[in-house]
Amino acid sequence: MHTFIASCPTISNPTSIYVTASHKSDIIKLPLRYANAEKLPIVSCVSSLYFAERWQIIAINIEWYSYFGVNRQGYYLISAMEGIYELLKVYEKLKMIDIHHWNIPDIPELNSRKELDSRDIAGSLNDCYINYREAADFIIVHDVDDLIYIKQGAPFYPTFKQHWQEFPLTKTLNLTARTVEMEAEKGYEKFSMLKIFQTMNVLPERIYGKSVYNTSLIESVWIHWPTEFDKRLKSMTLDEKDAVLIHARTFKFGKYNQTKIGKIVSKNF
């Protein structure tokens, strides 16, 4: 399945949209959804996920990106543990994130779910990108365990803006990723982000990281690279001494209290 973008220049303010096929008599009405109209200079789009464990990295991710200047984070939930869902609702109330309930279509006669790759990441990320593209100057596409760090803890927006001023034909701003190990508490009571950062052990292997997009240049995205229509655009990878993507994937748990996070919440999103 692919993203399809259509332009209808003959209609300035459509109130309804219908589609049909040349060999069919059926006409299907599509629901209209308008793009986010807020002013959100930087948005991050988190790939769709079954939020079943590791609430620690979810909390770290939201706090991290908010601290470095991301104005809104789009979280796409297929399902979630009850405790994690309640945690996300708190962040949503604070306007740090938007929760999007993402449903993977089930059309038995088409084997539709077999046509979708990796939790329908392509669908959720493009839904996020198109939804926030009018609101944001830059959109970061990443997984929930990816943390972008710019040298000396610089805020994101000035760095991104400066880069595109110097290199206006950059298709994507890529970051090299390093997987890290870290220690964390299982319980809420003793949870400490500072301790987690102090125990990070960076592994030597470099892996392909994620990307930052300039919304004035790119129409659709994927987890690593976009579809571009201007062939002059080229990808650029920042030097590791300037920026890195921390792949916070491996947790080690010590003698900490264990807090149950509850049953699975699934609302057939």
C-alpha atoms as a PDB file:
ATOM      1  CA  MET A   1       0.000   0.000   0.000  1.00  0.00           C
ATOM      2  CA  HIS A   2       1.244   3.471  -0.883  1.00  0.00           C
ATOM      3  CA  THR A   3       0.564   7.101  -0.126  1.00  0.00           C
ATOM      4  CA  PHE A   4      -1.503   8.777  -2.836  1.00  0.00           C
ATOM      5  CA  ILE A   5      -1.534  12.565  -3.132  1.00  0.00           C
ATOM      6  CA  ALA A   6      -4.006  14.272  -5.463  1.00  0.00           C
ATOM      7  CA  SER A   7      -4.315  17.978  -6.238  1.00  0.00           C
ATOM      8  CA  CYS A   8      -7.698  19.424  -7.261  1.00  0.00           C
ATOM      9  CA  PRO A   9      -6.944  22.982  -8.449  1.00  0.00           C
ATOM     10  CA  THR A  10     -10.419  23.495  -9.904  1.00  0.00           C
ATOM     11  CA  ILE A  11     -12.045  23.381  -6.452  1.00  0.00           C
ATOM     12  CA  SER A  12     -10.730  25.842  -3.865  1.00  0.00           C
ATOM     13  CA  ASN A  13     -12.825  24.793  -0.853  1.00  0.00           C
ATOM     14  CA  PRO A  14     -14.288  21.316  -1.378  1.00  0.00           C
ATOM     15  CA  THR A  15     -17.002  20.206   1.025  1.00  0.00           C
ATOM     16  CA  SER A  16     -16.982  16.560  -0.069  1.00  0.00           C
ATOM     17  CA  ILE A  17     -14.841  14.183  -2.114  1.00  0.00           C
ATOM     18  CA  TYR A  18     -15.918  11.043  -3.930  1.00  0.00           C
ATOM     19  CA  VAL A  19     -13.879   8.423  -5.763  1.00  0.00           C
ATOM     20  CA  THR A  20     -14.764   5.779  -8.290  1.00  0.00           C
ATOM     21  CA  ALA A  21     -13.085   3.569 -10.855  1.00  0.00           C
ATOM     22  CA  SER A  22     -13.606   3.755 -14.598  1.00  0.00           C
ATOM     23  CA  HIS A  23     -14.898   0.166 -14.730  1.00  0.00           C
ATOM     24  CA  LYS A  24     -17.165   0.479 -11.665  1.00  0.00           C
ATOM     25  CA  SER A  25     -20.506   2.141 -11.045  1.00  0.00           C
ATOM     26  CA  ASP A  26     -19.957   2.468  -7.291  1.00  0.00           C
ATOM     27  CA  ILE A  27     -19.092   5.891  -5.892  1.00  0.00           C
ATOM     28  CA  ILE A  28     -17.404   6.100  -2.493  1.00  0.00           C
ATOM     29  CA  LYS A  29     -17.455   9.205  -0.319  1.00  0.00           C
ATOM     30  CA  LEU A  30     -14.176   9.910   1.456  1.00  0.00           C
ATOM     31  CA  PRO A  31     -14.172  11.528   4.908  1.00  0.00           C
ATOM     32  CA  LEU A  32     -12.543  14.963   4.950  1.00  0.00           C
ATOM     33  CA  ARG A  33      -9.885  15.704   7.532  1.00  0.00           C
ATOM     34  CA  TYR A  34      -8.142  19.042   7.571  1.00  0.00           C
ATOM     35  CA  ALA A  35      -4.432  19.398   8.293  1.00  0.00           C
ATOM     36  CA  ASN A  36      -3.273  20.688  11.672  1.00  0.00           C
ATOM     37  CA  ALA A  37      -3.386  24.498  11.532  1.00  0.00           C
ATOM     38  CA  GLU A  38      -1.324  25.246  14.654  1.00  0.00           C
ATOM     39  CA  LYS A  39       2.096  26.871  14.515  1.00  0.00           C
ATOM     40  CA  LEU A  40       4.436  24.014  15.436  1.00  0.00           C
ATOM     41  CA  PRO A  41       7.967  24.730  14.111  1.00  0.00           C
ATOM     42  CA  ILE A  42       9.220  21.197  14.864  1.00  0.00           C
ATOM     43  CA  VAL A  43       7.101  18.044  14.993  1.00  0.00           C
ATOM     44  CA  SER A  44       8.265  14.482  15.550  1.00  0.00           C
ATOM     45  CA  CYS A  45       6.390  11.532  14.071  1.00  0.00           C
ATOM     46  CA  VAL A  46       6.808   8.285  16.011  1.00  0.00           C
ATOM     47  CA  SER A  47       6.215   5.087  14.052  1.00  0.00           C
ATOM     48  CA  SER A  48       3.103   3.068  14.900  1.00  0.00           C
ATOM     49  CA  LEU A  49       3.623   0.524  17.677  1.00  0.00           C
ATOM     50  CA  TYR A  50       2.093  -1.974  20.064  1.00  0.00           C
ATOM     51  CA  PHE A  51       2.939  -0.185  23.326  1.00  0.00           C
ATOM     52  CA  ALA A  52       3.276  -3.228  25.569  1.00  0.00           C
ATOM     53  CA  GLU A  53       6.409  -2.687  27.656  1.00  0.00           C
ATOM     54  CA  ARG A  54       9.349  -0.419  28.403  1.00  0.00           C
ATOM     55  CA  TRP A  55       7.344   2.552  29.603  1.00  0.00           C
ATOM     56  CA  GLN A  56      10.736   3.958  30.626  1.00  0.00           C
ATOM     57  CA  ILE A  57      11.844   4.668  27.061  1.00  0.00           C
ATOM     58  CA  ILE A  58       8.479   6.238  26.252  1.00  0.00           C
ATOM     59  CA  ALA A  59       8.847   8.699  29.132  1.00  0.00           C
ATOM     60  CA  ILE A  60      12.468   9.395  28.212  1.00  0.00           C
ATOM     61  CA  ASN A  61      11.582   9.931  24.554  1.00  0.00           C
ATOM     62  CA  ILE A  62       8.795  12.414  25.226  1.00  0.00           C
ATOM     63  CA  GLU A  63      10.781  14.397  27.794  1.00  0.00           C
ATOM     64  CA  TRP A  64      13.914  14.359  25.620  1.00  0.00           C
ATOM     65  CA  TYR A  65      12.321  15.734  22.468  1.00  0.00           C
ATOM     66  CA  SER A  66      10.286  18.288  24.385  1.00  0.00           C
ATOM     67  CA  TYR A  67      13.452  19.526  26.121  1.00  0.00           C
ATOM     68  CA  PHE A  68      15.310  20.030  22.845  1.00  0.00           C
ATOM     69  CA  GLY A  69      12.501  22.025  21.276  1.00  0.00           C
ATOM     70  CA  VAL A  70      10.063  19.676  19.559  1.00  0.00           C
ATOM     71  CA  ASN A  71       6.695  21.413  19.764  1.00  0.00           C
ATOM     72  CA  ARG A  72       4.486  18.362  19.280  1.00  0.00           C
ATOM     73  CA  GLN A  73       5.061  14.615  19.070  1.00  0.00           C
ATOM     74  CA  GLY A  74       2.691  12.361  17.151  1.00  0.00           C
ATOM     75  CA  TYR A  75       2.218   8.942  18.784  1.00  0.00           C
ATOM     76  CA  TYR A  76       0.421   6.260  16.779  1.00  0.00           C
ATOM     77  CA  LEU A  77      -1.103   3.533  18.938  1.00  0.00           C
ATOM     78  CA  ILE A  78      -2.217   0.176  17.590  1.00  0.00           C
ATOM     79  CA  SER A  79      -2.684  -1.035  21.175  1.00  0.00           C
ATOM     80  CA  ALA A  80      -1.139  -0.262  24.546  1.00  0.00           C
ATOM     81  CA  MET A  81      -0.804  -1.499  28.099  1.00  0.00           C
ATOM     82  CA  GLU A  82      -3.259   0.294  30.333  1.00  0.00           C
ATOM     83  CA  GLY A  83      -0.584   1.999  32.429  1.00  0.00           C
ATOM     84  CA  ILE A  84       1.314   3.194  29.357  1.00  0.00           C
ATOM     85  CA  TYR A  85      -1.884   4.535  27.820  1.00  0.00           C
ATOM     86  CA  GLU A  86      -2.630   6.501  30.993  1.00  0.00           C
ATOM     87  CA  LEU A  87       0.932   7.867  30.934  1.00  0.00           C
ATOM     88  CA  LEU A  88       0.501   9.005  27.340  1.00  0.00           C
ATOM     89  CA  LYS A  89      -2.804  10.666  28.198  1.00  0.00           C
ATOM     90  CA  VAL A  90      -1.039  12.827  30.788  1.00  0.00           C
ATOM     91  CA  TYR A  91       1.475  14.009  28.191  1.00  0.00           C
ATOM     92  CA  GLU A  92      -1.329  14.636  25.713  1.00  0.00           C
ATOM     93  CA  LYS A  93      -3.128  16.825  28.245  1.00  0.00           C
ATOM     94  CA  LEU A  94       0.076  18.864  28.555  1.00  0.00           C
ATOM     95  CA  LYS A  95       0.105  19.351  24.754  1.00  0.00           C
ATOM     96  CA  MET A  96       3.470  17.633  24.479  1.00  0.00           C
ATOM     97  CA  ILE A  97       2.088  14.812  22.337  1.00  0.00           C
ATOM     98  CA  ASP A  98      -0.937  13.949  20.238  1.00  0.00           C
ATOM     99  CA  ILE A  99      -2.293  10.400  20.487  1.00  0.00           C
ATOM    100  CA  HIS A 100      -3.514   8.919  17.224  1.00  0.00           C
ATOM    101  CA  HIS A 101      -5.415   5.636  17.432  1.00  0.00           C
ATOM    102  CA  TRP A 102      -4.171   3.679  14.443  1.00  0.00           C
ATOM    103  CA  ASN A 103      -6.155   0.806  12.995  1.00  0.00           C
ATOM    104  CA  ILE A 104      -4.578  -1.764  10.702  1.00  0.00           C
ATOM    105  CA  PRO A 105      -7.281  -2.658   8.150  1.00  0.00           C
ATOM    106  CA  ASP A 106      -8.516  -6.227   8.100  1.00  0.00           C
ATOM    107  CA  ILE A 107     -10.004  -7.156   4.735  1.00  0.00           C
ATOM    108  CA  PRO A 108      -9.961 -10.980   4.681  1.00  0.00           C
ATOM    109  CA  GLU A 109     -10.620 -11.423   0.975  1.00  0.00           C
ATOM    110  CA  LEU A 110      -7.593  -9.253   0.177  1.00  0.00           C
ATOM    111  CA  ASN A 111      -5.275 -10.521   2.939  1.00  0.00           C
ATOM    112  CA  SER A 112      -4.903  -6.819   3.656  1.00  0.00           C
ATOM    113  CA  ARG A 113      -2.750  -7.150   6.756  1.00  0.00           C
ATOM    114  CA  LYS A 114      -0.197  -9.195   4.836  1.00  0.00           C
ATOM    115  CA  GLU A 115       0.137  -6.270   2.438  1.00  0.00           C
ATOM    116  CA  LEU A 116       1.333  -3.986   5.237  1.00  0.00           C
ATOM    117  CA  ASP A 117       4.967  -3.944   6.272  1.00  0.00           C
ATOM    118  CA  SER A 118       6.187  -3.616   9.876  1.00  0.00           C
ATOM    119  CA  ARG A 119       3.070  -2.493  11.749  1.00  0.00           C
ATOM    120  CA  ASP A 120       2.011  -0.303   8.831  1.00  0.00           C
ATOM    121  CA  ILE A 121       4.850   2.112   9.541  1.00  0.00           C
ATOM    122  CA  ALA A 122       4.571   3.631   6.064  1.00  0.00           C
ATOM    123  CA  GLY A 123       0.880   4.367   6.583  1.00  0.00           C
ATOM    124  CA  SER A 124       1.195   5.880  10.049  1.00  0.00           C
ATOM    125  CA  LEU A 125       4.263   7.988   9.272  1.00  0.00           C
ATOM    126  CA  ASN A 126       2.725   9.454   6.126  1.00  0.00           C
ATOM    127  CA  ASP A 127      -0.521  10.130   7.962  1.00  0.00           C
ATOM    128  CA  CYS A 128       1.513  12.002  10.569  1.00  0.00           C
ATOM    129  CA  TYR A 129       3.636  13.848   8.030  1.00  0.00           C
ATOM    130  CA  ILE A 130       0.693  15.034   5.942  1.00  0.00           C
ATOM    131  CA  ASN A 131      -1.295  15.968   9.049  1.00  0.00           C
ATOM    132  CA  TYR A 132       1.452  18.222  10.448  1.00  0.00           C
ATOM    133  CA  ARG A 133       3.165  19.364   7.265  1.00  0.00           C
ATOM    134  CA  GLU A 134       1.317  22.703   7.086  1.00  0.00           C
ATOM    135  CA  ALA A 135       2.024  23.399  10.761  1.00  0.00           C
ATOM    136  CA  ALA A 136       5.733  22.509  10.907  1.00  0.00           C
ATOM    137  CA  ASP A 137       8.921  23.763   9.287  1.00  0.00           C
ATOM    138  CA  PHE A 138      10.727  20.528  10.111  1.00  0.00           C
ATOM    139  CA  ILE A 139       9.503  17.024  10.892  1.00  0.00           C
ATOM    140  CA  ILE A 140      11.584  14.312  12.552  1.00  0.00           C
ATOM    141  CA  VAL A 141      10.666  10.717  11.742  1.00  0.00           C
ATOM    142  CA  HIS A 142      11.809   8.123  14.254  1.00  0.00           C
ATOM    143  CA  ASP A 143      11.046   5.119  16.439  1.00  0.00           C
ATOM    144  CA  VAL A 144      10.188   5.408  20.114  1.00  0.00           C
ATOM    145  CA  ASP A 145      13.703   4.274  21.125  1.00  0.00           C
ATOM    146  CA  ASP A 146      15.555   6.870  19.002  1.00  0.00           C
ATOM    147  CA  LEU A 147      17.010   9.950  20.699  1.00  0.00           C
ATOM    148  CA  ILE A 148      18.646  12.710  18.633  1.00  0.00           C
ATOM    149  CA  TYR A 149      21.499  14.591  20.278  1.00  0.00           C
ATOM    150  CA  ILE A 150      23.213  17.652  18.780  1.00  0.00           C
ATOM    151  CA  LYS A 151      26.654  18.658  20.039  1.00  0.00           C
ATOM    152  CA  GLN A 152      26.766  20.556  23.328  1.00  0.00           C
ATOM    153  CA  GLY A 153      23.070  19.934  23.817  1.00  0.00           C
ATOM    154  CA  ALA A 154      22.033  22.550  21.255  1.00  0.00           C
ATOM    155  CA  PRO A 155      18.300  23.049  20.609  1.00  0.00           C
ATOM    156  CA  PHE A 156      17.096  21.534  17.362  1.00  0.00           C
ATOM    157  CA  TYR A 157      15.447  24.415  15.504  1.00  0.00           C
ATOM    158  CA  PRO A 158      18.435  26.782  15.038  1.00  0.00           C
ATOM    159  CA  THR A 159      20.568  23.842  13.893  1.00  0.00           C
ATOM    160  CA  PHE A 160      18.035  22.652  11.330  1.00  0.00           C
ATOM    161  CA  LYS A 161      17.369  26.171  10.055  1.00  0.00           C
ATOM    162  CA  GLN A 162      21.065  26.943   9.674  1.00  0.00           C
ATOM    163  CA  HIS A 163      21.666  23.705   7.809  1.00  0.00           C
ATOM    164  CA  TRP A 164      18.983  24.358   5.193  1.00  0.00           C
ATOM    165  CA  GLN A 165      20.130  27.932   4.774  1.00  0.00           C
ATOM    166  CA  GLU A 166      23.610  26.622   3.914  1.00  0.00           C
ATOM    167  CA  PHE A 167      22.427  23.588   1.934  1.00  0.00           C
ATOM    168  CA  PRO A 168      18.956  24.417   0.534  1.00  0.00           C
ATOM    169  CA  LEU A 169      18.780  21.285  -1.653  1.00  0.00           C
ATOM    170  CA  THR A 170      19.116  18.799   1.187  1.00  0.00           C
ATOM    171  CA  LYS A 171      16.588  15.993   0.731  1.00  0.00           C
ATOM    172  CA  THR A 172      17.038  14.544   4.205  1.00  0.00           C
ATOM    173  CA  LEU A 173      19.233  15.384   7.128  1.00  0.00           C
ATOM    174  CA  ASN A 174      20.417  11.965   8.309  1.00  0.00           C
ATOM    175  CA  LEU A 175      22.029  10.929  11.567  1.00  0.00           C
ATOM    176  CA  THR A 176      24.298   8.010  12.313  1.00  0.00           C
ATOM    177  CA  ALA A 177      22.907   5.801  15.080  1.00  0.00           C
ATOM    178  CA  ARG A 178      24.686   4.105  17.961  1.00  0.00           C
ATOM    179  CA  THR A 179      22.954   1.457  20.065  1.00  0.00           C
ATOM    180  CA  VAL A 180      23.337   1.983  23.814  1.00  0.00           C
ATOM    181  CA  GLU A 181      22.842  -0.166  26.885  1.00  0.00           C
ATOM    182  CA  MET A 182      21.536   1.401  30.080  1.00  0.00           C
ATOM    183  CA  GLU A 183      20.240   0.613  33.536  1.00  0.00           C
ATOM    184  CA  ALA A 184      16.736   1.540  34.633  1.00  0.00           C
ATOM    185  CA  GLU A 185      14.263   0.974  37.418  1.00  0.00           C
ATOM    186  CA  LYS A 186      11.154  -1.071  36.769  1.00  0.00           C
ATOM    187  CA  GLY A 187       9.067   0.899  39.237  1.00  0.00           C
ATOM    188  CA  TYR A 188       7.791   4.445  38.983  1.00  0.00           C
ATOM    189  CA  GLU A 189       8.840   5.426  42.496  1.00  0.00           C
ATOM    190  CA  LYS A 190      12.615   5.247  41.922  1.00  0.00           C
ATOM    191  CA  PHE A 191      12.648   6.076  38.217  1.00  0.00           C
ATOM    192  CA  SER A 192      15.475   8.506  37.405  1.00  0.00           C
ATOM    193  CA  MET A 193      16.305   9.773  33.923  1.00  0.00           C
ATOM    194  CA  LEU A 194      19.584  11.166  35.234  1.00  0.00           C
ATOM    195  CA  LYS A 195      20.671   7.733  36.440  1.00  0.00           C
ATOM    196  CA  ILE A 196      19.734   6.188  33.097  1.00  0.00           C
ATOM    197  CA  PHE A 197      21.855   8.719  31.200  1.00  0.00           C
ATOM    198  CA  GLN A 198      24.754   8.214  33.602  1.00  0.00           C
ATOM    199  CA  THR A 199      24.718   4.458  32.994  1.00  0.00           C
ATOM    200  CA  MET A 200      24.572   4.603  29.184  1.00  0.00           C
ATOM    201  CA  ASN A 201      27.128   2.361  27.510  1.00  0.00           C
ATOM    202  CA  VAL A 202      27.606   3.190  23.828  1.00  0.00           C
ATOM    203  CA  LEU A 203      28.242   0.126  21.688  1.00  0.00           C
ATOM    204  CA  PRO A 204      30.845   0.389  18.886  1.00  0.00           C
ATOM    205  CA  GLU A 205      28.682  -0.682  15.945  1.00  0.00           C
ATOM    206  CA  ARG A 206      27.234   2.100  13.809  1.00  0.00           C
ATOM    207  CA  ILE A 207      23.784   1.537  12.306  1.00  0.00           C
ATOM    208  CA  TYR A 208      21.659   3.498   9.842  1.00  0.00           C
ATOM    209  CA  GLY A 209      19.825   6.220  11.719  1.00  0.00           C
ATOM    210  CA  LYS A 210      16.709   8.267  11.086  1.00  0.00           C
ATOM    211  CA  SER A 211      16.076  11.529   9.260  1.00  0.00           C
ATOM    212  CA  VAL A 212      14.882  15.105   9.561  1.00  0.00           C
ATOM    213  CA  TYR A 213      12.715  16.565   6.768  1.00  0.00           C
ATOM    214  CA  ASN A 214      12.141  20.096   5.537  1.00  0.00           C
ATOM    215  CA  THR A 215       8.373  20.201   4.944  1.00  0.00           C
ATOM    216  CA  SER A 216       8.712  22.679   2.064  1.00  0.00           C
ATOM    217  CA  LEU A 217      10.659  20.122   0.020  1.00  0.00           C
ATOM    218  CA  ILE A 218       9.263  16.655   0.749  1.00  0.00           C
ATOM    219  CA  GLU A 219       5.795  15.276  -0.015  1.00  0.00           C
ATOM    220  CA  SER A 220       5.867  11.844   1.652  1.00  0.00           C
ATOM    221  CA  VAL A 221       8.176   9.895   3.953  1.00  0.00           C
ATOM    222  CA  TRP A 222       9.261   6.503   5.157  1.00  0.00           C
ATOM    223  CA  ILE A 223      11.163   5.432   8.265  1.00  0.00           C
ATOM    224  CA  HIS A 224      14.575   6.194   6.683  1.00  0.00           C
ATOM    225  CA  TRP A 225      14.104   8.258   3.523  1.00  0.00           C
ATOM    226  CA  PRO A 226      11.440  10.137   1.540  1.00  0.00           C
ATOM    227  CA  THR A 227       9.978  10.080  -1.915  1.00  0.00           C
ATOM    228  CA  GLU A 228      11.258  13.189  -3.646  1.00  0.00           C
ATOM    229  CA  PHE A 229      10.107  14.717  -6.903  1.00  0.00           C
ATOM    230  CA  ASP A 230      12.977  17.152  -7.376  1.00  0.00           C
ATOM    231  CA  LYS A 231      15.976  15.104  -8.494  1.00  0.00           C
ATOM    232  CA  ARG A 232      18.333  17.895  -7.493  1.00  0.00           C
ATOM    233  CA  LEU A 233      17.718  17.054  -3.834  1.00  0.00           C
ATOM    234  CA  LYS A 234      20.406  15.015  -2.105  1.00  0.00           C
ATOM    235  CA  SER A 235      20.619  13.385   1.302  1.00  0.00           C
ATOM    236  CA  MET A 236      23.211  14.600   3.772  1.00  0.00           C
ATOM    237  CA  THR A 237      24.495  12.810   6.866  1.00  0.00           C
ATOM    238  CA  LEU A 238      25.760  14.892   9.771  1.00  0.00           C
ATOM    239  CA  ASP A 239      29.186  14.066  11.098  1.00  0.00           C
ATOM    240  CA  GLU A 240      29.052  12.063  14.310  1.00  0.00           C
ATOM    241  CA  LYS A 241      30.990  14.766  16.121  1.00  0.00           C
ATOM    242  CA  ASP A 242      28.162  17.196  15.362  1.00  0.00           C
ATOM    243  CA  ALA A 243      25.095  15.034  15.989  1.00  0.00           C
ATOM    244  CA  VAL A 244      24.199  11.446  16.751  1.00  0.00           C
ATOM    245  CA  LEU A 245      21.099   9.336  17.138  1.00  0.00           C
ATOM    246  CA  ILE A 246      21.119   7.324  20.362  1.00  0.00           C
ATOM    247  CA  HIS A 247      19.392   4.002  19.780  1.00  0.00           C
ATOM    248  CA  ALA A 248      18.203   3.361  23.346  1.00  0.00           C
ATOM    249  CA  ARG A 249      17.241  -0.246  22.812  1.00  0.00           C
ATOM    250  CA  THR A 250      18.766  -2.379  25.561  1.00  0.00           C
ATOM    251  CA  PHE A 251      17.719  -2.000  29.212  1.00  0.00           C
ATOM    252  CA  LYS A 252      19.245  -3.735  32.202  1.00  0.00           C
ATOM    253  CA  PHE A 253      17.237  -3.915  35.403  1.00  0.00           C
ATOM    254  CA  GLY A 254      18.785  -4.242  38.845  1.00  0.00           C
ATOM    255  CA  LYS A 255      17.320  -4.830  42.299  1.00  0.00           C
ATOM    256  CA  TYR A 256      14.452  -2.423  41.920  1.00  0.00           C
ATOM    257  CA  ASN A 257      10.809  -2.598  42.890  1.00  0.00           C
ATOM    258  CA  GLN A 258       8.536  -3.850  40.129  1.00  0.00           C
ATOM    259  CA  THR A 259       5.360  -1.942  39.350  1.00  0.00           C
ATOM    260  CA  LYS A 260       2.658  -3.689  37.368  1.00  0.00           C
ATOM    261  CA  ILE A 261       1.482  -1.621  34.438  1.00  0.00           C
ATOM    262  CA  GLY A 262      -1.854  -3.382  34.045  1.00  0.00           C
ATOM    263  CA  LYS A 263      -3.807  -5.158  31.395  1.00  0.00           C
ATOM    264  CA  ILE A 264      -3.606  -4.522  27.668  1.00  0.00           C
ATOM    265  CA  VAL A 265      -5.809  -1.731  26.384  1.00  0.00           C
ATOM    266  CA  SER A 266      -7.088  -2.509  22.903  1.00  0.00           C
ATOM    267  CA  LYS A 267      -9.990  -0.533  21.516  1.00  0.00           C
ATOM    268  CA  ASN A 268      -9.805  -1.839  17.980  1.00  0.00           C
ATOM    269  CA  PHE A 269      -8.234   1.487  17.023  1.00  0.00           C
END
